[in-house]
Amino acid sequence: MVEEFDVIDASGPTPDGKVGLMMFEPRNWSEPQRQLQELHKKTQAYLSYVVDGDMVRENPNYANRKVWVRLVCNVVPPPAILPYLTHLKVALAKHSIEFQVAHYEPENPSTSVNNLVAI
């Protein structure tokens, strides 16, 4: 969960040979300022996990693989949130990390953690 800064919510190799790291935001965007502050802290933790080498130390088979970070939201981020998400995308790209956003409602079978949202 985004509010748990010290936890990598999900990670694993992807079929295309990359490493995927996911963070989950189950809340609606009713407290955007607080949620963006938490997202910032969580993203910093993920960046540190990759850049500082912890990811490879814990999983040596992830060495030399491209990495993406995906924010999985139960509610599609409202338009007011998108500029910050774009900022995260640009910031992570400077470290060769792709940032993605997905929309997933567990009770809705037409969504999945792979339903990417354009940012």
C-alpha atoms as a PDB file:
ATOM      1  CA  MET A   1       0.000   0.000   0.000  1.00  0.00           C
ATOM      2  CA  VAL A   2       1.251   3.483  -0.828  1.00  0.00           C
ATOM      3  CA  GLU A   3       1.047   4.583   2.806  1.00  0.00           C
ATOM      4  CA  GLU A   4       3.521   1.819   3.812  1.00  0.00           C
ATOM      5  CA  PHE A   5       6.768   3.492   2.756  1.00  0.00           C
ATOM      6  CA  ASP A   6       9.129   0.741   3.868  1.00  0.00           C
ATOM      7  CA  VAL A   7       7.463  -2.116   1.977  1.00  0.00           C
ATOM      8  CA  ILE A   8       7.879  -3.189  -1.646  1.00  0.00           C
ATOM      9  CA  ASP A   9       4.280  -4.234  -2.331  1.00  0.00           C
ATOM     10  CA  ALA A  10       5.057  -6.659  -5.167  1.00  0.00           C
ATOM     11  CA  SER A  11       8.043  -7.461  -7.349  1.00  0.00           C
ATOM     12  CA  GLY A  12       9.022 -10.040  -9.860  1.00  0.00           C
ATOM     13  CA  PRO A  13      10.416 -10.811 -13.280  1.00  0.00           C
ATOM     14  CA  THR A  14       8.176 -10.102 -16.245  1.00  0.00           C
ATOM     15  CA  PRO A  15       7.772 -12.247 -19.379  1.00  0.00           C
ATOM     16  CA  ASP A  16       9.784  -9.717 -21.401  1.00  0.00           C
ATOM     17  CA  GLY A  17      12.801 -10.056 -19.090  1.00  0.00           C
ATOM     18  CA  LYS A  18      12.298  -6.884 -17.063  1.00  0.00           C
ATOM     19  CA  VAL A  19      11.703  -6.525 -13.343  1.00  0.00           C
ATOM     20  CA  GLY A  20       8.342  -5.135 -12.301  1.00  0.00           C
ATOM     21  CA  LEU A  21       7.774  -3.390  -8.985  1.00  0.00           C
ATOM     22  CA  MET A  22       4.197  -2.591  -8.011  1.00  0.00           C
ATOM     23  CA  MET A  23       2.717  -0.303  -5.399  1.00  0.00           C
ATOM     24  CA  PHE A  24      -0.982  -0.341  -4.611  1.00  0.00           C
ATOM     25  CA  GLU A  25      -3.336   2.568  -3.918  1.00  0.00           C
ATOM     26  CA  PRO A  26      -6.702   1.111  -2.844  1.00  0.00           C
ATOM     27  CA  ARG A  27      -8.130   4.444  -1.651  1.00  0.00           C
ATOM     28  CA  ASN A  28     -10.107   6.887  -3.729  1.00  0.00           C
ATOM     29  CA  TRP A  29      -8.443  10.253  -4.262  1.00  0.00           C
ATOM     30  CA  SER A  30     -10.450  12.077  -1.579  1.00  0.00           C
ATOM     31  CA  GLU A  31      -7.273  13.313   0.175  1.00  0.00           C
ATOM     32  CA  PRO A  32      -5.052  14.133  -2.798  1.00  0.00           C
ATOM     33  CA  GLN A  33      -2.476  16.246  -0.965  1.00  0.00           C
ATOM     34  CA  ARG A  34      -1.846  13.575   1.669  1.00  0.00           C
ATOM     35  CA  GLN A  35      -1.889  10.771  -0.880  1.00  0.00           C
ATOM     36  CA  LEU A  36       0.598  12.547  -3.148  1.00  0.00           C
ATOM     37  CA  GLN A  37       2.946  13.098  -0.196  1.00  0.00           C
ATOM     38  CA  GLU A  38       2.717   9.399   0.613  1.00  0.00           C
ATOM     39  CA  LEU A  39       3.194   8.476  -3.043  1.00  0.00           C
ATOM     40  CA  HIS A  40       6.296  10.668  -3.138  1.00  0.00           C
ATOM     41  CA  LYS A  41       7.788   8.883  -0.110  1.00  0.00           C
ATOM     42  CA  LYS A  42       6.893   5.454  -1.499  1.00  0.00           C
ATOM     43  CA  THR A  43       8.389   6.281  -4.900  1.00  0.00           C
ATOM     44  CA  GLN A  44      11.577   7.523  -3.244  1.00  0.00           C
ATOM     45  CA  ALA A  45      11.811   4.203  -1.388  1.00  0.00           C
ATOM     46  CA  TYR A  46      11.387   2.251  -4.630  1.00  0.00           C
ATOM     47  CA  LEU A  47      13.984   4.391  -6.380  1.00  0.00           C
ATOM     48  CA  SER A  48      16.424   3.832  -3.543  1.00  0.00           C
ATOM     49  CA  TYR A  49      15.702   0.089  -3.598  1.00  0.00           C
ATOM     50  CA  VAL A  50      16.751  -0.059  -7.254  1.00  0.00           C
ATOM     51  CA  VAL A  51      19.504   2.561  -7.456  1.00  0.00           C
ATOM     52  CA  ASP A  52      21.244   1.708  -4.184  1.00  0.00           C
ATOM     53  CA  GLY A  53      21.458  -1.958  -5.173  1.00  0.00           C
ATOM     54  CA  ASP A  54      19.170  -3.520  -2.549  1.00  0.00           C
ATOM     55  CA  MET A  55      16.985  -5.078  -5.249  1.00  0.00           C
ATOM     56  CA  VAL A  56      19.919  -6.948  -6.800  1.00  0.00           C
ATOM     57  CA  ARG A  57      21.414  -7.895  -3.430  1.00  0.00           C
ATOM     58  CA  GLU A  58      18.090  -9.518  -2.483  1.00  0.00           C
ATOM     59  CA  ASN A  59      17.512 -10.971  -5.962  1.00  0.00           C
ATOM     60  CA  PRO A  60      20.813 -11.487  -7.812  1.00  0.00           C
ATOM     61  CA  ASN A  61      18.960 -12.731 -10.905  1.00  0.00           C
ATOM     62  CA  TYR A  62      17.553  -9.171 -11.344  1.00  0.00           C
ATOM     63  CA  ALA A  63      20.999  -7.795 -12.172  1.00  0.00           C
ATOM     64  CA  ASN A  64      21.272  -5.918 -15.476  1.00  0.00           C
ATOM     65  CA  ARG A  65      17.521  -6.001 -16.111  1.00  0.00           C
ATOM     66  CA  LYS A  66      15.382  -3.017 -17.014  1.00  0.00           C
ATOM     67  CA  VAL A  67      12.944  -2.030 -14.267  1.00  0.00           C
ATOM     68  CA  TRP A  68       9.464  -0.574 -14.247  1.00  0.00           C
ATOM     69  CA  VAL A  69       7.481   0.756 -11.300  1.00  0.00           C
ATOM     70  CA  ARG A  70       3.703   0.557 -11.520  1.00  0.00           C
ATOM     71  CA  LEU A  71       1.220   2.418  -9.353  1.00  0.00           C
ATOM     72  CA  VAL A  72      -1.925   0.260  -9.276  1.00  0.00           C
ATOM     73  CA  CYS A  73      -5.006   2.308  -8.338  1.00  0.00           C
ATOM     74  CA  ASN A  74      -8.494   1.071  -7.475  1.00  0.00           C
ATOM     75  CA  VAL A  75      -9.798   4.451  -8.669  1.00  0.00           C
ATOM     76  CA  VAL A  76      -8.452   6.107 -11.812  1.00  0.00           C
ATOM     77  CA  PRO A  77      -6.432   9.150 -10.745  1.00  0.00           C
ATOM     78  CA  PRO A  78      -8.382  12.364 -11.382  1.00  0.00           C
ATOM     79  CA  PRO A  79      -7.024  14.894 -13.899  1.00  0.00           C
ATOM     80  CA  ALA A  80      -5.635  17.111 -11.105  1.00  0.00           C
ATOM     81  CA  ILE A  81      -3.261  14.271 -10.096  1.00  0.00           C
ATOM     82  CA  LEU A  82      -1.883  13.621 -13.584  1.00  0.00           C
ATOM     83  CA  PRO A  83       0.756  16.418 -13.614  1.00  0.00           C
ATOM     84  CA  TYR A  84       2.387  14.920 -10.537  1.00  0.00           C
ATOM     85  CA  LEU A  85       2.299  11.434 -12.043  1.00  0.00           C
ATOM     86  CA  THR A  86       3.958  12.844 -15.169  1.00  0.00           C
ATOM     87  CA  HIS A  87       6.615  14.402 -12.934  1.00  0.00           C
ATOM     88  CA  LEU A  88       7.288  10.978 -11.362  1.00  0.00           C
ATOM     89  CA  LYS A  89       7.515   9.409 -14.807  1.00  0.00           C
ATOM     90  CA  VAL A  90      10.131  11.950 -15.915  1.00  0.00           C
ATOM     91  CA  ALA A  91      12.088  11.717 -12.650  1.00  0.00           C
ATOM     92  CA  LEU A  92      12.294   7.919 -12.725  1.00  0.00           C
ATOM     93  CA  ALA A  93      13.191   7.916 -16.422  1.00  0.00           C
ATOM     94  CA  LYS A  94      16.370   9.804 -15.496  1.00  0.00           C
ATOM     95  CA  HIS A  95      17.385   6.591 -13.713  1.00  0.00           C
ATOM     96  CA  SER A  96      16.245   4.353 -16.614  1.00  0.00           C
ATOM     97  CA  ILE A  97      13.190   3.249 -14.635  1.00  0.00           C
ATOM     98  CA  GLU A  98       9.832   3.269 -16.389  1.00  0.00           C
ATOM     99  CA  PHE A  99       6.882   4.597 -14.352  1.00  0.00           C
ATOM    100  CA  GLN A 100       3.402   3.299 -15.129  1.00  0.00           C
ATOM    101  CA  VAL A 101      -0.094   3.682 -13.705  1.00  0.00           C
ATOM    102  CA  ALA A 102      -2.726   0.950 -13.845  1.00  0.00           C
ATOM    103  CA  HIS A 103      -6.401   0.842 -12.917  1.00  0.00           C
ATOM    104  CA  TYR A 104      -7.548  -2.281 -11.093  1.00  0.00           C
ATOM    105  CA  GLU A 105     -10.780  -2.824  -9.199  1.00  0.00           C
ATOM    106  CA  PRO A 106     -10.619  -6.276  -7.562  1.00  0.00           C
ATOM    107  CA  GLU A 107     -14.392  -6.704  -7.782  1.00  0.00           C
ATOM    108  CA  ASN A 108     -14.458  -5.779 -11.487  1.00  0.00           C
ATOM    109  CA  PRO A 109     -13.262  -8.661 -13.703  1.00  0.00           C
ATOM    110  CA  SER A 110     -12.792  -6.327 -16.672  1.00  0.00           C
ATOM    111  CA  THR A 111      -9.848  -4.633 -14.920  1.00  0.00           C
ATOM    112  CA  SER A 112      -6.421  -5.966 -13.990  1.00  0.00           C
ATOM    113  CA  VAL A 113      -3.073  -4.772 -12.718  1.00  0.00           C
ATOM    114  CA  ASN A 114      -2.089  -4.667 -16.388  1.00  0.00           C
ATOM    115  CA  ASN A 115      -4.743  -2.086 -17.401  1.00  0.00           C
ATOM    116  CA  LEU A 116      -2.362   0.802 -17.960  1.00  0.00           C
ATOM    117  CA  VAL A 117      -3.580   4.402 -17.779  1.00  0.00           C
ATOM    118  CA  ALA A 118      -1.992   6.967 -20.077  1.00  0.00           C
ATOM    119  CA  ILE A 119       0.078   9.604 -18.294  1.00  0.00           C
END
